[in-house]
PDB file of N, CA and C in Angstrom:
ATOM      1  N   MET A   1     -52.458 -12.740  62.103  1.00  0.00           N
ATOM      2  CA  MET A   1     -51.194 -12.467  62.738  1.00  0.00           C
ATOM      3  C   MET A   1     -50.091 -13.314  62.107  1.00  0.00           C
ATOM      4  N   ILE A   2     -50.397 -14.573  61.847  1.00  0.00           N
ATOM      5  CA  ILE A   2     -49.418 -15.467  61.228  1.00  0.00           C
ATOM      6  C   ILE A   2     -49.083 -14.981  59.821  1.00  0.00           C
ATOM      7  N   THR A   3     -50.062 -14.497  59.083  1.00  0.00           N
ATOM      8  CA  THR A   3     -49.839 -14.002  57.733  1.00  0.00           C
ATOM      9  C   THR A   3     -48.941 -12.769  57.760  1.00  0.00           C
ATOM     10  N   ALA A   4     -49.170 -11.871  58.686  1.00  0.00           N
ATOM     11  CA  ALA A   4     -48.356 -10.662  58.793  1.00  0.00           C
ATOM     12  C   ALA A   4     -46.908 -11.004  59.127  1.00  0.00           C
ATOM     13  N   VAL A   5     -46.715 -11.928  60.051  1.00  0.00           N
ATOM     14  CA  VAL A   5     -45.361 -12.350  60.408  1.00  0.00           C
ATOM     15  C   VAL A   5     -44.696 -13.042  59.227  1.00  0.00           C
ATOM     16  N   ALA A   6     -45.439 -13.832  58.500  1.00  0.00           N
ATOM     17  CA  ALA A   6     -44.887 -14.518  57.326  1.00  0.00           C
ATOM     18  C   ALA A   6     -44.483 -13.508  56.253  1.00  0.00           C
ATOM     19  N   LEU A   7     -45.297 -12.472  56.026  1.00  0.00           N
ATOM     20  CA  LEU A   7     -44.955 -11.448  55.032  1.00  0.00           C
ATOM     21  C   LEU A   7     -43.713 -10.657  55.444  1.00  0.00           C
ATOM     22  N   VAL A   8     -43.633 -10.270  56.703  1.00  0.00           N
ATOM     23  CA  VAL A   8     -42.461  -9.529  57.175  1.00  0.00           C
ATOM     24  C   VAL A   8     -41.209 -10.392  57.074  1.00  0.00           C
ATOM     25  N   THR A   9     -41.312 -11.646  57.428  1.00  0.00           N
ATOM     26  CA  THR A   9     -40.176 -12.561  57.338  1.00  0.00           C
ATOM     27  C   THR A   9     -39.753 -12.761  55.886  1.00  0.00           C
ATOM     28  N   ALA A  10     -40.716 -12.900  54.999  1.00  0.00           N
ATOM     29  CA  ALA A  10     -40.407 -13.085  53.584  1.00  0.00           C
ATOM     30  C   ALA A  10     -39.716 -11.848  53.012  1.00  0.00           C
ATOM     31  N   ARG A  11     -40.194 -10.667  53.366  1.00  0.00           N
ATOM     32  CA  ARG A  11     -39.570  -9.434  52.875  1.00  0.00           C
ATOM     33  C   ARG A  11     -38.152  -9.299  53.423  1.00  0.00           C
ATOM     34  N   TYR A  12     -37.951  -9.675  54.666  1.00  0.00           N
ATOM     35  CA  TYR A  12     -36.626  -9.585  55.268  1.00  0.00           C
ATOM     36  C   TYR A  12     -35.655 -10.557  54.620  1.00  0.00           C
ATOM     37  N   THR A  13     -36.094 -11.781  54.374  1.00  0.00           N
ATOM     38  CA  THR A  13     -35.195 -12.790  53.803  1.00  0.00           C
ATOM     39  C   THR A  13     -34.903 -12.531  52.333  1.00  0.00           C
ATOM     40  N   THR A  14     -35.789 -11.865  51.621  1.00  0.00           N
ATOM     41  CA  THR A  14     -35.525 -11.571  50.211  1.00  0.00           C
ATOM     42  C   THR A  14     -34.675 -10.322  50.029  1.00  0.00           C
ATOM     43  N   GLY A  15     -34.367  -9.649  51.136  1.00  0.00           N
ATOM     44  CA  GLY A  15     -33.466  -8.504  51.022  1.00  0.00           C
ATOM     45  C   GLY A  15     -34.165  -7.200  50.726  1.00  0.00           C
ATOM     46  N   PHE A  16     -35.445  -7.097  50.996  1.00  0.00           N
ATOM     47  CA  PHE A  16     -36.163  -5.858  50.770  1.00  0.00           C
ATOM     48  C   PHE A  16     -35.506  -4.749  51.589  1.00  0.00           C
ATOM     49  N   HIS A  17     -35.282  -3.632  50.987  1.00  0.00           N
ATOM     50  CA  HIS A  17     -34.605  -2.485  51.590  1.00  0.00           C
ATOM     51  C   HIS A  17     -33.150  -2.777  51.936  1.00  0.00           C
ATOM     52  N   SER A  18     -32.540  -3.737  51.241  1.00  0.00           N
ATOM     53  CA  SER A  18     -31.124  -3.985  51.503  1.00  0.00           C
ATOM     54  C   SER A  18     -30.258  -2.899  50.879  1.00  0.00           C
ATOM     55  N   GLN A  19     -30.767  -2.274  49.833  1.00  0.00           N
ATOM     56  CA  GLN A  19     -30.061  -1.159  49.228  1.00  0.00           C
ATOM     57  C   GLN A  19     -30.470   0.128  49.929  1.00  0.00           C
ATOM     58  N   ASP A  20     -29.621   1.111  49.856  1.00  0.00           N
ATOM     59  CA  ASP A  20     -29.925   2.390  50.475  1.00  0.00           C
ATOM     60  C   ASP A  20     -31.050   3.044  49.703  1.00  0.00           C
ATOM     61  N   SER A  21     -32.146   3.298  50.338  1.00  0.00           N
ATOM     62  CA  SER A  21     -33.296   3.894  49.670  1.00  0.00           C
ATOM     63  C   SER A  21     -33.396   5.377  49.955  1.00  0.00           C
ATOM     64  N   ALA A  22     -32.311   6.018  50.306  1.00  0.00           N
ATOM     65  CA  ALA A  22     -32.232   7.449  50.579  1.00  0.00           C
ATOM     66  C   ALA A  22     -33.072   7.851  51.780  1.00  0.00           C
ATOM     67  N   LEU A  23     -33.404   6.903  52.621  1.00  0.00           N
ATOM     68  CA  LEU A  23     -34.127   7.238  53.836  1.00  0.00           C
ATOM     69  C   LEU A  23     -33.183   7.800  54.896  1.00  0.00           C
ATOM     70  N   ARG A  24     -31.923   7.381  54.815  1.00  0.00           N
ATOM     71  CA  ARG A  24     -30.934   7.902  55.750  1.00  0.00           C
ATOM     72  C   ARG A  24     -30.304   9.152  55.172  1.00  0.00           C
ATOM     73  N   GLY A  25     -29.875  10.044  56.025  1.00  0.00           N
ATOM     74  CA  GLY A  25     -29.177  11.237  55.564  1.00  0.00           C
ATOM     75  C   GLY A  25     -27.791  10.875  55.086  1.00  0.00           C
ATOM     76  N   PRO A  26     -27.264  11.578  54.084  1.00  0.00           N
ATOM     77  CA  PRO A  26     -25.902  11.280  53.614  1.00  0.00           C
ATOM     78  C   PRO A  26     -24.882  11.647  54.677  1.00  0.00           C
ATOM     79  N   LEU A  27     -23.772  10.966  54.630  1.00  0.00           N
ATOM     80  CA  LEU A  27     -22.697  11.249  55.575  1.00  0.00           C
ATOM     81  C   LEU A  27     -22.104  12.619  55.287  1.00  0.00           C
ATOM     82  N   ARG A  28     -21.804  13.348  56.327  1.00  0.00           N
ATOM     83  CA  ARG A  28     -21.267  14.691  56.153  1.00  0.00           C
ATOM     84  C   ARG A  28     -19.909  14.664  55.465  1.00  0.00           C
ATOM     85  N   LEU A  29     -19.095  13.665  55.765  1.00  0.00           N
ATOM     86  CA  LEU A  29     -17.767  13.568  55.173  1.00  0.00           C
ATOM     87  C   LEU A  29     -17.863  13.402  53.659  1.00  0.00           C
ATOM     88  N   ILE A  30     -18.819  12.614  53.207  1.00  0.00           N
ATOM     89  CA  ILE A  30     -18.974  12.405  51.766  1.00  0.00           C
ATOM     90  C   ILE A  30     -19.474  13.678  51.099  1.00  0.00           C
ATOM     91  N   GLU A  31     -20.324  14.437  51.769  1.00  0.00           N
ATOM     92  CA  GLU A  31     -20.805  15.683  51.191  1.00  0.00           C
ATOM     93  C   GLU A  31     -19.686  16.700  51.050  1.00  0.00           C
ATOM     94  N   GLU A  32     -18.784  16.728  52.025  1.00  0.00           N
ATOM     95  CA  GLU A  32     -17.728  17.725  52.009  1.00  0.00           C
ATOM     96  C   GLU A  32     -16.716  17.481  50.902  1.00  0.00           C
ATOM     97  N   GLN A  33     -16.357  16.239  50.673  1.00  0.00           N
ATOM     98  CA  GLN A  33     -15.358  15.934  49.656  1.00  0.00           C
ATOM     99  C   GLN A  33     -15.756  14.650  48.954  1.00  0.00           C
ATOM    100  N   ARG A  34     -16.454  14.803  47.858  1.00  0.00           N
ATOM    101  CA  ARG A  34     -16.907  13.647  47.110  1.00  0.00           C
ATOM    102  C   ARG A  34     -15.737  13.054  46.325  1.00  0.00           C
ATOM    103  N   ALA A  35     -15.627  11.753  46.412  1.00  0.00           N
ATOM    104  CA  ALA A  35     -14.590  11.065  45.652  1.00  0.00           C
ATOM    105  C   ALA A  35     -15.088  10.851  44.237  1.00  0.00           C
ATOM    106  N   GLY A  36     -14.174  10.747  43.313  1.00  0.00           N
ATOM    107  CA  GLY A  36     -14.558  10.476  41.937  1.00  0.00           C
ATOM    108  C   GLY A  36     -14.033  11.542  40.999  1.00  0.00           C
ATOM    109  N   LEU A  37     -14.745  11.733  39.909  1.00  0.00           N
ATOM    110  CA  LEU A  37     -14.278  12.661  38.893  1.00  0.00           C
ATOM    111  C   LEU A  37     -14.393  14.116  39.325  1.00  0.00           C
ATOM    112  N   GLY A  38     -15.206  14.400  40.318  1.00  0.00           N
ATOM    113  CA  GLY A  38     -15.380  15.771  40.764  1.00  0.00           C
ATOM    114  C   GLY A  38     -14.130  16.383  41.357  1.00  0.00           C
ATOM    115  N   ASP A  39     -13.228  15.577  41.862  1.00  0.00           N
ATOM    116  CA  ASP A  39     -12.020  16.129  42.476  1.00  0.00           C
ATOM    117  C   ASP A  39     -10.837  16.181  41.515  1.00  0.00           C
ATOM    118  N   TRP A  40     -11.052  15.910  40.250  1.00  0.00           N
ATOM    119  CA  TRP A  40      -9.950  15.929  39.284  1.00  0.00           C
ATOM    120  C   TRP A  40      -9.333  17.308  39.156  1.00  0.00           C
ATOM    121  N   ARG A  41     -10.170  18.355  39.219  1.00  0.00           N
ATOM    122  CA  ARG A  41      -9.628  19.720  39.084  1.00  0.00           C
ATOM    123  C   ARG A  41      -8.611  19.988  40.192  1.00  0.00           C
ATOM    124  N   ARG A  42      -8.949  19.620  41.421  1.00  0.00           N
ATOM    125  CA  ARG A  42      -8.039  19.821  42.549  1.00  0.00           C
ATOM    126  C   ARG A  42      -6.790  18.958  42.396  1.00  0.00           C
ATOM    127  N   VAL A  43      -6.964  17.705  41.960  1.00  0.00           N
ATOM    128  CA  VAL A  43      -5.828  16.805  41.793  1.00  0.00           C
ATOM    129  C   VAL A  43      -4.869  17.333  40.733  1.00  0.00           C
ATOM    130  N   VAL A  44      -5.423  17.828  39.623  1.00  0.00           N
ATOM    131  CA  VAL A  44      -4.564  18.348  38.549  1.00  0.00           C
ATOM    132  C   VAL A  44      -3.858  19.623  39.003  1.00  0.00           C
ATOM    133  N   GLU A  45      -4.577  20.526  39.670  1.00  0.00           N
ATOM    134  CA  GLU A  45      -3.943  21.758  40.153  1.00  0.00           C
ATOM    135  C   GLU A  45      -2.806  21.449  41.120  1.00  0.00           C
ATOM    136  N   ASN A  46      -3.057  20.564  42.064  1.00  0.00           N
ATOM    137  CA  ASN A  46      -2.008  20.207  43.026  1.00  0.00           C
ATOM    138  C   ASN A  46      -0.871  19.454  42.359  1.00  0.00           C
ATOM    139  N   GLY A  47      -1.170  18.657  41.339  1.00  0.00           N
ATOM    140  CA  GLY A  47      -0.126  17.927  40.624  1.00  0.00           C
ATOM    141  C   GLY A  47       0.753  18.830  39.787  1.00  0.00           C
ATOM    142  N   LEU A  48       0.168  19.885  39.244  1.00  0.00           N
ATOM    143  CA  LEU A  48       0.950  20.815  38.433  1.00  0.00           C
ATOM    144  C   LEU A  48       1.809  21.745  39.288  1.00  0.00           C
ATOM    145  N   THR A  49       1.324  22.068  40.476  1.00  0.00           N
ATOM    146  CA  THR A  49       2.078  22.990  41.334  1.00  0.00           C
ATOM    147  C   THR A  49       2.969  22.275  42.324  1.00  0.00           C
ATOM    148  N   GLY A  50       2.747  20.979  42.551  1.00  0.00           N
ATOM    149  CA  GLY A  50       3.561  20.225  43.486  1.00  0.00           C
ATOM    150  C   GLY A  50       3.168  20.430  44.935  1.00  0.00           C
ATOM    151  N   ARG A  51       1.960  20.936  45.186  1.00  0.00           N
ATOM    152  CA  ARG A  51       1.505  21.152  46.565  1.00  0.00           C
ATOM    153  C   ARG A  51       1.107  19.825  47.195  1.00  0.00           C
ATOM    154  N   GLY A  52       1.585  19.599  48.399  1.00  0.00           N
ATOM    155  CA  GLY A  52       1.210  18.398  49.141  1.00  0.00           C
ATOM    156  C   GLY A  52       1.608  17.139  48.390  1.00  0.00           C
ATOM    157  N   ASP A  53       0.702  16.184  48.352  1.00  0.00           N
ATOM    158  CA  ASP A  53       0.960  14.940  47.626  1.00  0.00           C
ATOM    159  C   ASP A  53       0.207  14.926  46.308  1.00  0.00           C
ATOM    160  N   GLY A  54      -0.074  16.096  45.765  1.00  0.00           N
ATOM    161  CA  GLY A  54      -0.853  16.208  44.538  1.00  0.00           C
ATOM    162  C   GLY A  54      -0.218  15.520  43.349  1.00  0.00           C
ATOM    163  N   ALA A  55       1.097  15.677  43.181  1.00  0.00           N
ATOM    164  CA  ALA A  55       1.769  15.051  42.046  1.00  0.00           C
ATOM    165  C   ALA A  55       1.745  13.533  42.173  1.00  0.00           C
ATOM    166  N   GLU A  56       1.905  13.027  43.383  1.00  0.00           N
ATOM    167  CA  GLU A  56       1.860  11.575  43.591  1.00  0.00           C
ATOM    168  C   GLU A  56       0.478  11.025  43.283  1.00  0.00           C
ATOM    169  N   VAL A  57      -0.556  11.726  43.748  1.00  0.00           N
ATOM    170  CA  VAL A  57      -1.930  11.283  43.490  1.00  0.00           C
ATOM    171  C   VAL A  57      -2.228  11.346  42.005  1.00  0.00           C
ATOM    172  N   LEU A  58      -1.783  12.405  41.342  1.00  0.00           N
ATOM    173  CA  LEU A  58      -2.016  12.550  39.910  1.00  0.00           C
ATOM    174  C   LEU A  58      -1.339  11.425  39.130  1.00  0.00           C
ATOM    175  N   ARG A  59      -0.110  11.108  39.474  1.00  0.00           N
ATOM    176  CA  ARG A  59       0.607  10.037  38.776  1.00  0.00           C
ATOM    177  C   ARG A  59      -0.047   8.677  39.006  1.00  0.00           C
ATOM    178  N   ARG A  60      -0.499   8.418  40.237  1.00  0.00           N
ATOM    179  CA  ARG A  60      -1.170   7.139  40.514  1.00  0.00           C
ATOM    180  C   ARG A  60      -2.483   7.031  39.738  1.00  0.00           C
ATOM    181  N   ARG A  61      -3.224   8.117  39.671  1.00  0.00           N
ATOM    182  CA  ARG A  61      -4.488   8.074  38.926  1.00  0.00           C
ATOM    183  C   ARG A  61      -4.244   7.907  37.434  1.00  0.00           C
ATOM    184  N   LEU A  62      -3.228   8.558  36.920  1.00  0.00           N
ATOM    185  CA  LEU A  62      -2.904   8.364  35.501  1.00  0.00           C
ATOM    186  C   LEU A  62      -2.458   6.932  35.246  1.00  0.00           C
ATOM    187  N   GLN A  63      -1.685   6.354  36.159  1.00  0.00           N
ATOM    188  CA  GLN A  63      -1.300   4.948  36.013  1.00  0.00           C
ATOM    189  C   GLN A  63      -2.535   4.061  35.988  1.00  0.00           C
ATOM    190  N   TRP A  64      -3.473   4.322  36.871  1.00  0.00           N
ATOM    191  CA  TRP A  64      -4.688   3.516  36.931  1.00  0.00           C
ATOM    192  C   TRP A  64      -5.495   3.651  35.632  1.00  0.00           C
ATOM    193  N   LEU A  65      -5.625   4.875  35.119  1.00  0.00           N
ATOM    194  CA  LEU A  65      -6.373   5.082  33.880  1.00  0.00           C
ATOM    195  C   LEU A  65      -5.686   4.408  32.695  1.00  0.00           C
ATOM    196  N   TYR A  66      -4.370   4.544  32.619  1.00  0.00           N
ATOM    197  CA  TYR A  66      -3.633   3.894  31.535  1.00  0.00           C
ATOM    198  C   TYR A  66      -3.707   2.372  31.655  1.00  0.00           C
ATOM    199  N   ALA A  67      -3.617   1.854  32.866  1.00  0.00           N
ATOM    200  CA  ALA A  67      -3.716   0.403  33.042  1.00  0.00           C
ATOM    201  C   ALA A  67      -5.079  -0.103  32.584  1.00  0.00           C
ATOM    202  N   ALA A  68      -6.124   0.629  32.913  1.00  0.00           N
ATOM    203  CA  ALA A  68      -7.464   0.216  32.487  1.00  0.00           C
ATOM    204  C   ALA A  68      -7.616   0.296  30.975  1.00  0.00           C
ATOM    205  N   ARG A  69      -7.128   1.372  30.366  1.00  0.00           N
ATOM    206  CA  ARG A  69      -7.262   1.536  28.909  1.00  0.00           C
ATOM    207  C   ARG A  69      -6.450   0.494  28.159  1.00  0.00           C
ATOM    208  N   LEU A  70      -5.222   0.241  28.614  1.00  0.00           N
ATOM    209  CA  LEU A  70      -4.388  -0.754  27.951  1.00  0.00           C
ATOM    210  C   LEU A  70      -4.982  -2.154  28.077  1.00  0.00           C
ATOM    211  N   ALA A  71      -5.556  -2.448  29.217  1.00  0.00           N
ATOM    212  CA  ALA A  71      -6.142  -3.774  29.425  1.00  0.00           C
ATOM    213  C   ALA A  71      -7.397  -3.968  28.588  1.00  0.00           C
ATOM    214  N   GLU A  72      -8.249  -2.967  28.528  1.00  0.00           N
ATOM    215  CA  GLU A  72      -9.521  -3.159  27.827  1.00  0.00           C
ATOM    216  C   GLU A  72      -9.394  -3.042  26.317  1.00  0.00           C
ATOM    217  N   ARG A  73      -8.502  -2.192  25.841  1.00  0.00           N
ATOM    218  CA  ARG A  73      -8.400  -2.001  24.388  1.00  0.00           C
ATOM    219  C   ARG A  73      -7.320  -2.835  23.721  1.00  0.00           C
ATOM    220  N   HIS A  74      -6.234  -3.122  24.463  1.00  0.00           N
ATOM    221  CA  HIS A  74      -5.089  -3.799  23.841  1.00  0.00           C
ATOM    222  C   HIS A  74      -4.721  -5.104  24.526  1.00  0.00           C
ATOM    223  N   ALA A  75      -5.416  -5.474  25.575  1.00  0.00           N
ATOM    224  CA  ALA A  75      -5.142  -6.702  26.345  1.00  0.00           C
ATOM    225  C   ALA A  75      -3.689  -6.751  26.810  1.00  0.00           C
ATOM    226  N   VAL A  76      -3.187  -5.605  27.253  1.00  0.00           N
ATOM    227  CA  VAL A  76      -1.819  -5.493  27.753  1.00  0.00           C
ATOM    228  C   VAL A  76      -1.886  -5.019  29.197  1.00  0.00           C
ATOM    229  N   SER A  77      -1.179  -5.720  30.073  1.00  0.00           N
ATOM    230  CA  SER A  77      -1.130  -5.330  31.471  1.00  0.00           C
ATOM    231  C   SER A  77       0.025  -4.365  31.686  1.00  0.00           C
ATOM    232  N   LEU A  78      -0.261  -3.245  32.310  1.00  0.00           N
ATOM    233  CA  LEU A  78       0.762  -2.244  32.581  1.00  0.00           C
ATOM    234  C   LEU A  78       1.824  -2.791  33.515  1.00  0.00           C
ATOM    235  N   HIS A  79       1.430  -3.633  34.448  1.00  0.00           N
ATOM    236  CA  HIS A  79       2.372  -4.142  35.449  1.00  0.00           C
ATOM    237  C   HIS A  79       3.037  -5.451  35.028  1.00  0.00           C
ATOM    238  N   ASP A  80       2.337  -6.298  34.284  1.00  0.00           N
ATOM    239  CA  ASP A  80       2.904  -7.587  33.894  1.00  0.00           C
ATOM    240  C   ASP A  80       3.720  -7.515  32.606  1.00  0.00           C
ATOM    241  N   ARG A  81       3.332  -6.646  31.693  1.00  0.00           N
ATOM    242  CA  ARG A  81       4.043  -6.504  30.416  1.00  0.00           C
ATOM    243  C   ARG A  81       4.425  -5.052  30.177  1.00  0.00           C
ATOM    244  N   PRO A  82       5.345  -4.521  30.973  1.00  0.00           N
ATOM    245  CA  PRO A  82       5.663  -3.093  30.839  1.00  0.00           C
ATOM    246  C   PRO A  82       6.320  -2.721  29.511  1.00  0.00           C
ATOM    247  N   GLN A  83       7.061  -3.658  28.888  1.00  0.00           N
ATOM    248  CA  GLN A  83       7.687  -3.328  27.598  1.00  0.00           C
ATOM    249  C   GLN A  83       6.631  -3.106  26.524  1.00  0.00           C
ATOM    250  N   ALA A  84       5.628  -3.974  26.487  1.00  0.00           N
ATOM    251  CA  ALA A  84       4.554  -3.810  25.509  1.00  0.00           C
ATOM    252  C   ALA A  84       3.756  -2.550  25.787  1.00  0.00           C
ATOM    253  N   ALA A  85       3.524  -2.276  27.067  1.00  0.00           N
ATOM    254  CA  ALA A  85       2.792  -1.062  27.431  1.00  0.00           C
ATOM    255  C   ALA A  85       3.580   0.182  27.052  1.00  0.00           C
ATOM    256  N   ALA A  86       4.894   0.160  27.262  1.00  0.00           N
ATOM    257  CA  ALA A  86       5.730   1.308  26.909  1.00  0.00           C
ATOM    258  C   ALA A  86       5.721   1.551  25.410  1.00  0.00           C
ATOM    259  N   ALA A  87       5.710   0.476  24.640  1.00  0.00           N
ATOM    260  CA  ALA A  87       5.673   0.632  23.182  1.00  0.00           C
ATOM    261  C   ALA A  87       4.351   1.250  22.735  1.00  0.00           C
ATOM    262  N   LEU A  88       3.264   0.899  23.384  1.00  0.00           N
ATOM    263  CA  LEU A  88       1.960   1.458  23.016  1.00  0.00           C
ATOM    264  C   LEU A  88       1.800   2.898  23.495  1.00  0.00           C
ATOM    265  N   VAL A  89       2.303   3.199  24.671  1.00  0.00           N
ATOM    266  CA  VAL A  89       2.114   4.522  25.257  1.00  0.00           C
ATOM    267  C   VAL A  89       3.018   5.555  24.594  1.00  0.00           C
ATOM    268  N   GLY A  90       4.256   5.215  24.373  1.00  0.00           N
ATOM    269  CA  GLY A  90       5.187   6.152  23.760  1.00  0.00           C
ATOM    270  C   GLY A  90       6.189   6.685  24.761  1.00  0.00           C
ATOM    271  N   PRO A  91       7.365   7.100  24.280  1.00  0.00           N
ATOM    272  CA  PRO A  91       8.446   7.512  25.176  1.00  0.00           C
ATOM    273  C   PRO A  91       8.205   8.836  25.894  1.00  0.00           C
ATOM    274  N   GLU A  92       7.346   9.698  25.359  1.00  0.00           N
ATOM    275  CA  GLU A  92       7.137  10.995  26.016  1.00  0.00           C
ATOM    276  C   GLU A  92       6.252  10.891  27.257  1.00  0.00           C
ATOM    277  N   VAL A  93       5.376   9.888  27.306  1.00  0.00           N
ATOM    278  CA  VAL A  93       4.446   9.740  28.426  1.00  0.00           C
ATOM    279  C   VAL A  93       4.882   8.627  29.378  1.00  0.00           C
ATOM    280  N   TRP A  94       5.629   7.659  28.885  1.00  0.00           N
ATOM    281  CA  TRP A  94       5.970   6.490  29.691  1.00  0.00           C
ATOM    282  C   TRP A  94       6.634   6.821  31.025  1.00  0.00           C
ATOM    283  N   PRO A  95       7.581   7.772  31.109  1.00  0.00           N
ATOM    284  CA  PRO A  95       8.185   8.062  32.419  1.00  0.00           C
ATOM    285  C   PRO A  95       7.169   8.535  33.468  1.00  0.00           C
ATOM    286  N   LEU A  96       6.081   9.116  33.023  1.00  0.00           N
ATOM    287  CA  LEU A  96       5.063   9.597  33.947  1.00  0.00           C
ATOM    288  C   LEU A  96       4.261   8.458  34.566  1.00  0.00           C
ATOM    289  N   ILE A  97       4.062   7.373  33.818  1.00  0.00           N
ATOM    290  CA  ILE A  97       3.210   6.277  34.306  1.00  0.00           C
ATOM    291  C   ILE A  97       3.959   4.975  34.526  1.00  0.00           C
ATOM    292  N   ASP A  98       5.261   4.971  34.376  1.00  0.00           N
ATOM    293  CA  ASP A  98       6.050   3.746  34.534  1.00  0.00           C
ATOM    294  C   ASP A  98       5.908   3.205  35.956  1.00  0.00           C
ATOM    295  N   PRO A  99       5.356   1.990  36.126  1.00  0.00           N
ATOM    296  CA  PRO A  99       5.186   1.456  37.476  1.00  0.00           C
ATOM    297  C   PRO A  99       6.504   1.092  38.156  1.00  0.00           C
ATOM    298  N   ALA A 100       7.589   0.939  37.396  1.00  0.00           N
ATOM    299  CA  ALA A 100       8.883   0.601  37.992  1.00  0.00           C
ATOM    300  C   ALA A 100       9.566   1.822  38.600  1.00  0.00           C
ATOM    301  N   CYS A 101       9.215   3.007  38.111  1.00  0.00           N
ATOM    302  CA  CYS A 101       9.812   4.226  38.659  1.00  0.00           C
ATOM    303  C   CYS A 101       9.094   4.611  39.949  1.00  0.00           C
ATOM    304  N   PRO A 102       9.855   5.059  40.933  1.00  0.00           N
ATOM    305  CA  PRO A 102       9.197   5.512  42.165  1.00  0.00           C
ATOM    306  C   PRO A 102       8.397   6.777  41.896  1.00  0.00           C
ATOM    307  N   VAL A 103       7.238   6.864  42.520  1.00  0.00           N
ATOM    308  CA  VAL A 103       6.377   8.030  42.349  1.00  0.00           C
ATOM    309  C   VAL A 103       6.953   9.161  43.190  1.00  0.00           C
ATOM    310  N   THR A 104       7.278  10.258  42.537  1.00  0.00           N
ATOM    311  CA  THR A 104       7.878  11.395  43.226  1.00  0.00           C
ATOM    312  C   THR A 104       6.853  12.504  43.409  1.00  0.00           C
ATOM    313  N   SER A 105       7.207  13.459  44.247  1.00  0.00           N
ATOM    314  CA  SER A 105       6.305  14.576  44.491  1.00  0.00           C
ATOM    315  C   SER A 105       6.671  15.795  43.647  1.00  0.00           C
ATOM    316  N   GLU A 106       7.550  15.594  42.659  1.00  0.00           N
ATOM    317  CA  GLU A 106       7.892  16.697  41.765  1.00  0.00           C
ATOM    318  C   GLU A 106       6.670  17.065  40.944  1.00  0.00           C
ATOM    319  N   PRO A 107       6.456  18.356  40.699  1.00  0.00           N
ATOM    320  CA  PRO A 107       5.292  18.745  39.899  1.00  0.00           C
ATOM    321  C   PRO A 107       5.392  18.193  38.484  1.00  0.00           C
ATOM    322  N   VAL A 108       4.242  17.890  37.934  1.00  0.00           N
ATOM    323  CA  VAL A 108       4.172  17.382  36.567  1.00  0.00           C
ATOM    324  C   VAL A 108       4.110  18.581  35.635  1.00  0.00           C
ATOM    325  N   PRO A 109       5.008  18.691  34.663  1.00  0.00           N
ATOM    326  CA  PRO A 109       4.940  19.820  33.730  1.00  0.00           C
ATOM    327  C   PRO A 109       3.638  19.773  32.914  1.00  0.00           C
ATOM    328  N   ALA A 110       3.076  20.929  32.676  1.00  0.00           N
ATOM    329  CA  ALA A 110       1.801  21.015  31.958  1.00  0.00           C
ATOM    330  C   ALA A 110       1.854  20.385  30.566  1.00  0.00           C
ATOM    331  N   PRO A 111       2.933  20.585  29.777  1.00  0.00           N
ATOM    332  CA  PRO A 111       2.962  19.940  28.459  1.00  0.00           C
ATOM    333  C   PRO A 111       2.979  18.407  28.546  1.00  0.00           C
ATOM    334  N   VAL A 112       3.646  17.881  29.568  1.00  0.00           N
ATOM    335  CA  VAL A 112       3.691  16.427  29.743  1.00  0.00           C
ATOM    336  C   VAL A 112       2.305  15.900  30.115  1.00  0.00           C
ATOM    337  N   LEU A 113       1.620  16.612  30.991  1.00  0.00           N
ATOM    338  CA  LEU A 113       0.270  16.206  31.366  1.00  0.00           C
ATOM    339  C   LEU A 113      -0.673  16.291  30.181  1.00  0.00           C
ATOM    340  N   ARG A 114      -0.546  17.335  29.395  1.00  0.00           N
ATOM    341  CA  ARG A 114      -1.382  17.479  28.198  1.00  0.00           C
ATOM    342  C   ARG A 114      -1.116  16.343  27.215  1.00  0.00           C
ATOM    343  N   ALA A 115       0.151  15.997  27.026  1.00  0.00           N
ATOM    344  CA  ALA A 115       0.498  14.885  26.134  1.00  0.00           C
ATOM    345  C   ALA A 115      -0.038  13.565  26.668  1.00  0.00           C
ATOM    346  N   ALA A 116      -0.001  13.383  27.993  1.00  0.00           N
ATOM    347  CA  ALA A 116      -0.505  12.147  28.602  1.00  0.00           C
ATOM    348  C   ALA A 116      -2.006  12.013  28.393  1.00  0.00           C
ATOM    349  N   VAL A 117      -2.729  13.108  28.564  1.00  0.00           N
ATOM    350  CA  VAL A 117      -4.186  13.061  28.377  1.00  0.00           C
ATOM    351  C   VAL A 117      -4.525  12.826  26.912  1.00  0.00           C
ATOM    352  N   ASN A 118      -3.819  13.495  26.005  1.00  0.00           N
ATOM    353  CA  ASN A 118      -4.075  13.290  24.576  1.00  0.00           C
ATOM    354  C   ASN A 118      -3.765  11.863  24.156  1.00  0.00           C
ATOM    355  N   ARG A 119      -2.673  11.314  24.661  1.00  0.00           N
ATOM    356  CA  ARG A 119      -2.304   9.936  24.310  1.00  0.00           C
ATOM    357  C   ARG A 119      -3.307   8.933  24.875  1.00  0.00           C
ATOM    358  N   LEU A 120      -3.782   9.201  26.089  1.00  0.00           N
ATOM    359  CA  LEU A 120      -4.770   8.321  26.703  1.00  0.00           C
ATOM    360  C   LEU A 120      -6.050   8.296  25.886  1.00  0.00           C
ATOM    361  N   SER A 121      -6.479   9.448  25.404  1.00  0.00           N
ATOM    362  CA  SER A 121      -7.720   9.477  24.620  1.00  0.00           C
ATOM    363  C   SER A 121      -7.543   8.848  23.246  1.00  0.00           C
ATOM    364  N   SER A 122      -6.310   8.818  22.731  1.00  0.00           N
ATOM    365  CA  SER A 122      -6.097   8.230  21.410  1.00  0.00           C
ATOM    366  C   SER A 122      -5.786   6.743  21.458  1.00  0.00           C
ATOM    367  N   LEU A 123      -5.526   6.193  22.644  1.00  0.00           N
ATOM    368  CA  LEU A 123      -5.203   4.762  22.752  1.00  0.00           C
ATOM    369  C   LEU A 123      -6.397   3.905  22.401  1.00  0.00           C
TER     370      LEU A 123
END
């Protein structure tokens, strides 16, 4: 009995089953709308048409992606060094991701979005 209690206590203190082992059912909310790259199609469609807050969400996500790319590849912070970031990004895309400009709900033109994606992949 003492050995069994010691084993259970040891497993509990070491964190056994601390990670989700898929024994619980997934949350219904997560199944209905998964966050991540799967919702990009909806975000881009809403951003191009200006429906709801789609353009705002699209601009924030592009800012986040550009901030990550500039930081990891060029050691430039989008928010701390905006002049250096603007020089790297280019004048055609900078108004879309400029953190100093207020994020508007105006639809993003398709050519501008295409240029932003192409520039992001080439950075």
